[in-house]
Amino acid sequence: MSEQEKQNEGSLEQTFAEIEDIIKNLESNEMDLEASFALYEQGMKKLKFCNEAIDTVEKKMLVLNEQGELEEF
């Protein structure tokens, strides 16, 4: 695994943890509507990042050569 892939994986895991924190805060019902909306918007941006990172990995998985090695593109 390359250094960039390790960094992306760490940041993906960190982003999932941040999304979990956002969900807990939204479920707490201790925020006003504006703060809740701001957190929701932040969570949606983080989900978009995660989806894009996962899509990138899936695309790389599809570009395997006959020897089972990943071809760079």
PDB file of N, CA and C in Angstrom:
ATOM      1  N   MET A   1       0.855  -1.181   0.000  1.00  0.00           N
ATOM      2  CA  MET A   1       0.000   0.000   0.000  1.00  0.00           C
ATOM      3  C   MET A   1       0.895   1.237   0.000  1.00  0.00           C
ATOM      4  N   SER A   2       0.593   2.163  -0.900  1.00  0.00           N
ATOM      5  CA  SER A   2       1.416   3.371  -1.006  1.00  0.00           C
ATOM      6  C   SER A   2       1.142   4.314   0.161  1.00  0.00           C
ATOM      7  N   GLU A   3       2.026   5.272   0.332  1.00  0.00           N
ATOM      8  CA  GLU A   3       1.859   6.262   1.418  1.00  0.00           C
ATOM      9  C   GLU A   3       0.569   7.056   1.234  1.00  0.00           C
ATOM     10  N   GLN A   4       0.258   7.408  -0.020  1.00  0.00           N
ATOM     11  CA  GLN A   4      -0.969   8.165  -0.313  1.00  0.00           C
ATOM     12  C   GLN A   4      -2.208   7.339   0.060  1.00  0.00           C
ATOM     13  N   GLU A   5      -2.206   6.042  -0.267  1.00  0.00           N
ATOM     14  CA  GLU A   5      -3.335   5.173   0.072  1.00  0.00           C
ATOM     15  C   GLU A   5      -3.491   5.050   1.583  1.00  0.00           C
ATOM     16  N   LYS A   6      -2.371   4.941   2.299  1.00  0.00           N
ATOM     17  CA  LYS A   6      -2.434   4.873   3.764  1.00  0.00           C
ATOM     18  C   LYS A   6      -3.015   6.162   4.336  1.00  0.00           C
ATOM     19  N   GLN A   7      -2.600   7.291   3.781  1.00  0.00           N
ATOM     20  CA  GLN A   7      -3.094   8.585   4.251  1.00  0.00           C
ATOM     21  C   GLN A   7      -4.595   8.714   3.973  1.00  0.00           C
ATOM     22  N   ASN A   8      -5.032   8.312   2.767  1.00  0.00           N
ATOM     23  CA  ASN A   8      -6.447   8.375   2.424  1.00  0.00           C
ATOM     24  C   ASN A   8      -7.265   7.461   3.318  1.00  0.00           C
ATOM     25  N   GLU A   9      -6.744   6.258   3.602  1.00  0.00           N
ATOM     26  CA  GLU A   9      -7.449   5.321   4.456  1.00  0.00           C
ATOM     27  C   GLU A   9      -7.609   5.896   5.854  1.00  0.00           C
ATOM     28  N   GLY A  10      -6.522   6.477   6.380  1.00  0.00           N
ATOM     29  CA  GLY A  10      -6.587   7.091   7.705  1.00  0.00           C
ATOM     30  C   GLY A  10      -7.567   8.244   7.725  1.00  0.00           C
ATOM     31  N   SER A  11      -7.556   9.041   6.682  1.00  0.00           N
ATOM     32  CA  SER A  11      -8.444  10.172   6.654  1.00  0.00           C
ATOM     33  C   SER A  11      -9.885   9.727   6.428  1.00  0.00           C
ATOM     34  N   LEU A  12     -10.086   8.623   5.723  1.00  0.00           N
ATOM     35  CA  LEU A  12     -11.433   8.082   5.546  1.00  0.00           C
ATOM     36  C   LEU A  12     -11.970   7.578   6.882  1.00  0.00           C
ATOM     37  N   GLU A  13     -11.150   6.847   7.611  1.00  0.00           N
ATOM     38  CA  GLU A  13     -11.562   6.359   8.931  1.00  0.00           C
ATOM     39  C   GLU A  13     -11.831   7.526   9.876  1.00  0.00           C
ATOM     40  N   GLN A  14     -10.985   8.537   9.825  1.00  0.00           N
ATOM     41  CA  GLN A  14     -11.171   9.706  10.674  1.00  0.00           C
ATOM     42  C   GLN A  14     -12.475  10.424  10.307  1.00  0.00           C
ATOM     43  N   THR A  15     -12.766  10.514   9.019  1.00  0.00           N
ATOM     44  CA  THR A  15     -13.978  11.187   8.574  1.00  0.00           C
ATOM     45  C   THR A  15     -15.211  10.418   9.029  1.00  0.00           C
ATOM     46  N   PHE A  16     -15.178   9.072   8.976  1.00  0.00           N
ATOM     47  CA  PHE A  16     -16.296   8.284   9.482  1.00  0.00           C
ATOM     48  C   PHE A  16     -16.513   8.545  10.976  1.00  0.00           C
ATOM     49  N   ALA A  17     -15.425   8.653  11.733  1.00  0.00           N
ATOM     50  CA  ALA A  17     -15.536   8.946  13.165  1.00  0.00           C
ATOM     51  C   ALA A  17     -16.155  10.330  13.387  1.00  0.00           C
ATOM     52  N   GLU A  18     -15.767  11.295  12.561  1.00  0.00           N
ATOM     53  CA  GLU A  18     -16.335  12.640  12.667  1.00  0.00           C
ATOM     54  C   GLU A  18     -17.829  12.629  12.337  1.00  0.00           C
ATOM     55  N   ILE A  19     -18.215  11.824  11.354  1.00  0.00           N
ATOM     56  CA  ILE A  19     -19.636  11.709  11.005  1.00  0.00           C
ATOM     57  C   ILE A  19     -20.413  11.104  12.168  1.00  0.00           C
ATOM     58  N   GLU A  20     -19.849  10.098  12.814  1.00  0.00           N
ATOM     59  CA  GLU A  20     -20.500   9.506  13.985  1.00  0.00           C
ATOM     60  C   GLU A  20     -20.709  10.546  15.085  1.00  0.00           C
ATOM     61  N   ASP A  21     -19.711  11.394  15.307  1.00  0.00           N
ATOM     62  CA  ASP A  21     -19.835  12.458  16.311  1.00  0.00           C
ATOM     63  C   ASP A  21     -20.942  13.442  15.934  1.00  0.00           C
ATOM     64  N   ILE A  22     -21.012  13.778  14.655  1.00  0.00           N
ATOM     65  CA  ILE A  22     -22.053  14.700  14.191  1.00  0.00           C
ATOM     66  C   ILE A  22     -23.431  14.093  14.436  1.00  0.00           C
ATOM     67  N   ILE A  23     -23.579  12.807  14.119  1.00  0.00           N
ATOM     68  CA  ILE A  23     -24.859  12.132  14.329  1.00  0.00           C
ATOM     69  C   ILE A  23     -25.246  12.152  15.807  1.00  0.00           C
ATOM     70  N   LYS A  24     -24.292  11.866  16.682  1.00  0.00           N
ATOM     71  CA  LYS A  24     -24.576  11.888  18.123  1.00  0.00           C
ATOM     72  C   LYS A  24     -25.034  13.276  18.568  1.00  0.00           C
ATOM     73  N   ASN A  25     -24.353  14.312  18.062  1.00  0.00           N
ATOM     74  CA  ASN A  25     -24.744  15.678  18.415  1.00  0.00           C
ATOM     75  C   ASN A  25     -26.140  16.014  17.910  1.00  0.00           C
ATOM     76  N   LEU A  26     -26.468  15.575  16.694  1.00  0.00           N
ATOM     77  CA  LEU A  26     -27.791  15.843  16.145  1.00  0.00           C
ATOM     78  C   LEU A  26     -28.878  15.095  16.921  1.00  0.00           C
ATOM     79  N   GLU A  27     -28.563  13.900  17.388  1.00  0.00           N
ATOM     80  CA  GLU A  27     -29.531  13.114  18.139  1.00  0.00           C
ATOM     81  C   GLU A  27     -29.726  13.616  19.568  1.00  0.00           C
ATOM     82  N   SER A  28     -28.824  14.441  20.052  1.00  0.00           N
ATOM     83  CA  SER A  28     -28.894  14.895  21.445  1.00  0.00           C
ATOM     84  C   SER A  28     -30.033  15.877  21.700  1.00  0.00           C
ATOM     85  N   ASN A  29     -30.556  16.517  20.662  1.00  0.00           N
ATOM     86  CA  ASN A  29     -31.658  17.486  20.787  1.00  0.00           C
ATOM     87  C   ASN A  29     -31.302  18.678  21.681  1.00  0.00           C
ATOM     88  N   GLU A  30     -30.022  18.979  21.827  1.00  0.00           N
ATOM     89  CA  GLU A  30     -29.600  20.098  22.668  1.00  0.00           C
ATOM     90  C   GLU A  30     -29.187  21.314  21.846  1.00  0.00           C
ATOM     91  N   MET A  31     -29.486  21.314  20.558  1.00  0.00           N
ATOM     92  CA  MET A  31     -29.075  22.406  19.680  1.00  0.00           C
ATOM     93  C   MET A  31     -30.297  23.093  19.109  1.00  0.00           C
ATOM     94  N   ASP A  32     -30.075  24.352  18.737  1.00  0.00           N
ATOM     95  CA  ASP A  32     -31.154  25.053  18.042  1.00  0.00           C
ATOM     96  C   ASP A  32     -31.169  24.621  16.581  1.00  0.00           C
ATOM     97  N   LEU A  33     -32.173  25.045  15.860  1.00  0.00           N
ATOM     98  CA  LEU A  33     -32.357  24.623  14.481  1.00  0.00           C
ATOM     99  C   LEU A  33     -31.193  25.038  13.585  1.00  0.00           C
ATOM    100  N   GLU A  34     -30.697  26.252  13.754  1.00  0.00           N
ATOM    101  CA  GLU A  34     -29.580  26.727  12.919  1.00  0.00           C
ATOM    102  C   GLU A  34     -28.323  25.887  13.116  1.00  0.00           C
ATOM    103  N   ALA A  35     -27.993  25.603  14.368  1.00  0.00           N
ATOM    104  CA  ALA A  35     -26.804  24.795  14.656  1.00  0.00           C
ATOM    105  C   ALA A  35     -26.979  23.377  14.123  1.00  0.00           C
ATOM    106  N   SER A  36     -28.185  22.839  14.249  1.00  0.00           N
ATOM    107  CA  SER A  36     -28.460  21.499  13.730  1.00  0.00           C
ATOM    108  C   SER A  36     -28.295  21.458  12.217  1.00  0.00           C
ATOM    109  N   PHE A  37     -28.807  22.489  11.541  1.00  0.00           N
ATOM    110  CA  PHE A  37     -28.677  22.536  10.086  1.00  0.00           C
ATOM    111  C   PHE A  37     -27.213  22.645   9.679  1.00  0.00           C
ATOM    112  N   ALA A  38     -26.433  23.446  10.389  1.00  0.00           N
ATOM    113  CA  ALA A  38     -25.008  23.597  10.078  1.00  0.00           C
ATOM    114  C   ALA A  38     -24.282  22.261  10.249  1.00  0.00           C
ATOM    115  N   LEU A  39     -24.610  21.535  11.310  1.00  0.00           N
ATOM    116  CA  LEU A  39     -23.995  20.222  11.523  1.00  0.00           C
ATOM    117  C   LEU A  39     -24.414  19.244  10.434  1.00  0.00           C
ATOM    118  N   TYR A  40     -25.692  19.279  10.063  1.00  0.00           N
ATOM    119  CA  TYR A  40     -26.188  18.412   8.997  1.00  0.00           C
ATOM    120  C   TYR A  40     -25.435  18.678   7.698  1.00  0.00           C
ATOM    121  N   GLU A  41     -25.264  19.942   7.372  1.00  0.00           N
ATOM    122  CA  GLU A  41     -24.553  20.319   6.149  1.00  0.00           C
ATOM    123  C   GLU A  41     -23.102  19.829   6.189  1.00  0.00           C
ATOM    124  N   GLN A  42     -22.457  19.984   7.350  1.00  0.00           N
ATOM    125  CA  GLN A  42     -21.082  19.520   7.522  1.00  0.00           C
ATOM    126  C   GLN A  42     -21.009  18.003   7.346  1.00  0.00           C
ATOM    127  N   GLY A  43     -21.976  17.295   7.921  1.00  0.00           N
ATOM    128  CA  GLY A  43     -22.021  15.839   7.798  1.00  0.00           C
ATOM    129  C   GLY A  43     -22.202  15.390   6.356  1.00  0.00           C
ATOM    130  N   MET A  44     -23.044  16.094   5.615  1.00  0.00           N
ATOM    131  CA  MET A  44     -23.277  15.739   4.219  1.00  0.00           C
ATOM    132  C   MET A  44     -22.005  15.930   3.381  1.00  0.00           C
ATOM    133  N   LYS A  45     -21.236  16.969   3.670  1.00  0.00           N
ATOM    134  CA  LYS A  45     -19.971  17.184   2.956  1.00  0.00           C
ATOM    135  C   LYS A  45     -18.986  16.053   3.263  1.00  0.00           C
ATOM    136  N   LYS A  46     -18.964  15.631   4.519  1.00  0.00           N
ATOM    137  CA  LYS A  46     -18.067  14.537   4.897  1.00  0.00           C
ATOM    138  C   LYS A  46     -18.499  13.228   4.247  1.00  0.00           C
ATOM    139  N   LEU A  47     -19.807  12.994   4.157  1.00  0.00           N
ATOM    140  CA  LEU A  47     -20.303  11.797   3.483  1.00  0.00           C
ATOM    141  C   LEU A  47     -19.930  11.802   2.001  1.00  0.00           C
ATOM    142  N   LYS A  48     -19.996  12.971   1.387  1.00  0.00           N
ATOM    143  CA  LYS A  48     -19.619  13.080  -0.024  1.00  0.00           C
ATOM    144  C   LYS A  48     -18.150  12.719  -0.200  1.00  0.00           C
ATOM    145  N   PHE A  49     -17.282  13.221   0.687  1.00  0.00           N
ATOM    146  CA  PHE A  49     -15.863  12.873   0.645  1.00  0.00           C
ATOM    147  C   PHE A  49     -15.678  11.359   0.754  1.00  0.00           C
ATOM    148  N   CYS A  50     -16.392  10.726   1.694  1.00  0.00           N
ATOM    149  CA  CYS A  50     -16.273   9.280   1.889  1.00  0.00           C
ATOM    150  C   CYS A  50     -16.727   8.523   0.644  1.00  0.00           C
ATOM    151  N   ASN A  51     -17.853   8.935   0.087  1.00  0.00           N
ATOM    152  CA  ASN A  51     -18.362   8.270  -1.117  1.00  0.00           C
ATOM    153  C   ASN A  51     -17.369   8.372  -2.269  1.00  0.00           C
ATOM    154  N   GLU A  52     -16.762   9.534  -2.445  1.00  0.00           N
ATOM    155  CA  GLU A  52     -15.782   9.712  -3.518  1.00  0.00           C
ATOM    156  C   GLU A  52     -14.541   8.858  -3.281  1.00  0.00           C
ATOM    157  N   ALA A  53     -14.102   8.777  -2.034  1.00  0.00           N
ATOM    158  CA  ALA A  53     -12.926   7.960  -1.717  1.00  0.00           C
ATOM    159  C   ALA A  53     -13.212   6.486  -1.961  1.00  0.00           C
ATOM    160  N   ILE A  54     -14.386   6.038  -1.577  1.00  0.00           N
ATOM    161  CA  ILE A  54     -14.762   4.637  -1.788  1.00  0.00           C
ATOM    162  C   ILE A  54     -14.906   4.347  -3.277  1.00  0.00           C
ATOM    163  N   ASP A  55     -15.495   5.270  -4.028  1.00  0.00           N
ATOM    164  CA  ASP A  55     -15.617   5.094  -5.480  1.00  0.00           C
ATOM    165  C   ASP A  55     -14.252   4.958  -6.134  1.00  0.00           C
ATOM    166  N   THR A  56     -13.293   5.742  -5.687  1.00  0.00           N
ATOM    167  CA  THR A  56     -11.939   5.676  -6.237  1.00  0.00           C
ATOM    168  C   THR A  56     -11.331   4.297  -6.009  1.00  0.00           C
ATOM    169  N   VAL A  57     -11.512   3.764  -4.811  1.00  0.00           N
ATOM    170  CA  VAL A  57     -10.987   2.433  -4.502  1.00  0.00           C
ATOM    171  C   VAL A  57     -11.681   1.381  -5.362  1.00  0.00           C
ATOM    172  N   GLU A  58     -12.999   1.498  -5.497  1.00  0.00           N
ATOM    173  CA  GLU A  58     -13.733   0.532  -6.313  1.00  0.00           C
ATOM    174  C   GLU A  58     -13.253   0.555  -7.762  1.00  0.00           C
ATOM    175  N   LYS A  59     -13.007   1.744  -8.296  1.00  0.00           N
ATOM    176  CA  LYS A  59     -12.525   1.849  -9.679  1.00  0.00           C
ATOM    177  C   LYS A  59     -11.152   1.215  -9.822  1.00  0.00           C
ATOM    178  N   LYS A  60     -10.293   1.400  -8.824  1.00  0.00           N
ATOM    179  CA  LYS A  60      -8.966   0.783  -8.873  1.00  0.00           C
ATOM    180  C   LYS A  60      -9.084  -0.736  -8.839  1.00  0.00           C
ATOM    181  N   MET A  61     -10.034  -1.239  -8.085  1.00  0.00           N
ATOM    182  CA  MET A  61     -10.220  -2.688  -8.001  1.00  0.00           C
ATOM    183  C   MET A  61     -10.627  -3.265  -9.357  1.00  0.00           C
ATOM    184  N   LEU A  62     -11.306  -2.483 -10.164  1.00  0.00           N
ATOM    185  CA  LEU A  62     -11.757  -2.953 -11.468  1.00  0.00           C
ATOM    186  C   LEU A  62     -10.658  -2.936 -12.520  1.00  0.00           C
ATOM    187  N   VAL A  63      -9.542  -2.273 -12.220  1.00  0.00           N
ATOM    188  CA  VAL A  63      -8.459  -2.145 -13.194  1.00  0.00           C
ATOM    189  C   VAL A  63      -7.320  -3.099 -12.830  1.00  0.00           C
ATOM    190  N   LEU A  64      -7.654  -4.334 -12.630  1.00  0.00           N
ATOM    191  CA  LEU A  64      -6.623  -5.333 -12.345  1.00  0.00           C
ATOM    192  C   LEU A  64      -6.225  -6.024 -13.640  1.00  0.00           C
ATOM    193  N   ASN A  65      -4.940  -6.237 -13.804  1.00  0.00           N
ATOM    194  CA  ASN A  65      -4.504  -6.940 -15.009  1.00  0.00           C
ATOM    195  C   ASN A  65      -4.631  -8.452 -14.821  1.00  0.00           C
ATOM    196  N   GLU A  66      -4.246  -9.199 -15.845  1.00  0.00           N
ATOM    197  CA  GLU A  66      -4.400 -10.669 -15.790  1.00  0.00           C
ATOM    198  C   GLU A  66      -3.623 -11.330 -14.662  1.00  0.00           C
ATOM    199  N   GLN A  67      -2.548 -10.703 -14.214  1.00  0.00           N
ATOM    200  CA  GLN A  67      -1.736 -11.286 -13.131  1.00  0.00           C
ATOM    201  C   GLN A  67      -2.285 -10.921 -11.754  1.00  0.00           C
ATOM    202  N   GLY A  68      -3.383 -10.186 -11.724  1.00  0.00           N
ATOM    203  CA  GLY A  68      -3.965  -9.798 -10.437  1.00  0.00           C
ATOM    204  C   GLY A  68      -3.287  -8.605  -9.806  1.00  0.00           C
ATOM    205  N   GLU A  69      -2.498  -7.863 -10.592  1.00  0.00           N
ATOM    206  CA  GLU A  69      -1.815  -6.698 -10.065  1.00  0.00           C
ATOM    207  C   GLU A  69      -2.578  -5.433 -10.472  1.00  0.00           C
ATOM    208  N   LEU A  70      -2.528  -4.468  -9.633  1.00  0.00           N
ATOM    209  CA  LEU A  70      -3.204  -3.214  -9.913  1.00  0.00           C
ATOM    210  C   LEU A  70      -2.425  -2.424 -10.944  1.00  0.00           C
ATOM    211  N   GLU A  71      -3.116  -2.003 -12.000  1.00  0.00           N
ATOM    212  CA  GLU A  71      -2.489  -1.175 -13.009  1.00  0.00           C
ATOM    213  C   GLU A  71      -2.738   0.277 -12.649  1.00  0.00           C
ATOM    214  N   GLU A  72      -1.684   1.075 -12.661  1.00  0.00           N
ATOM    215  CA  GLU A  72      -1.831   2.506 -12.383  1.00  0.00           C
ATOM    216  C   GLU A  72      -2.488   3.170 -13.564  1.00  0.00           C
ATOM    217  N   PHE A  73      -3.327   4.157 -13.269  1.00  0.00           N
ATOM    218  CA  PHE A  73      -3.956   4.910 -14.352  1.00  0.00           C
ATOM    219  C   PHE A  73      -3.936   6.367 -14.095  1.00  0.00           C
TER     220      PHE A  73
END
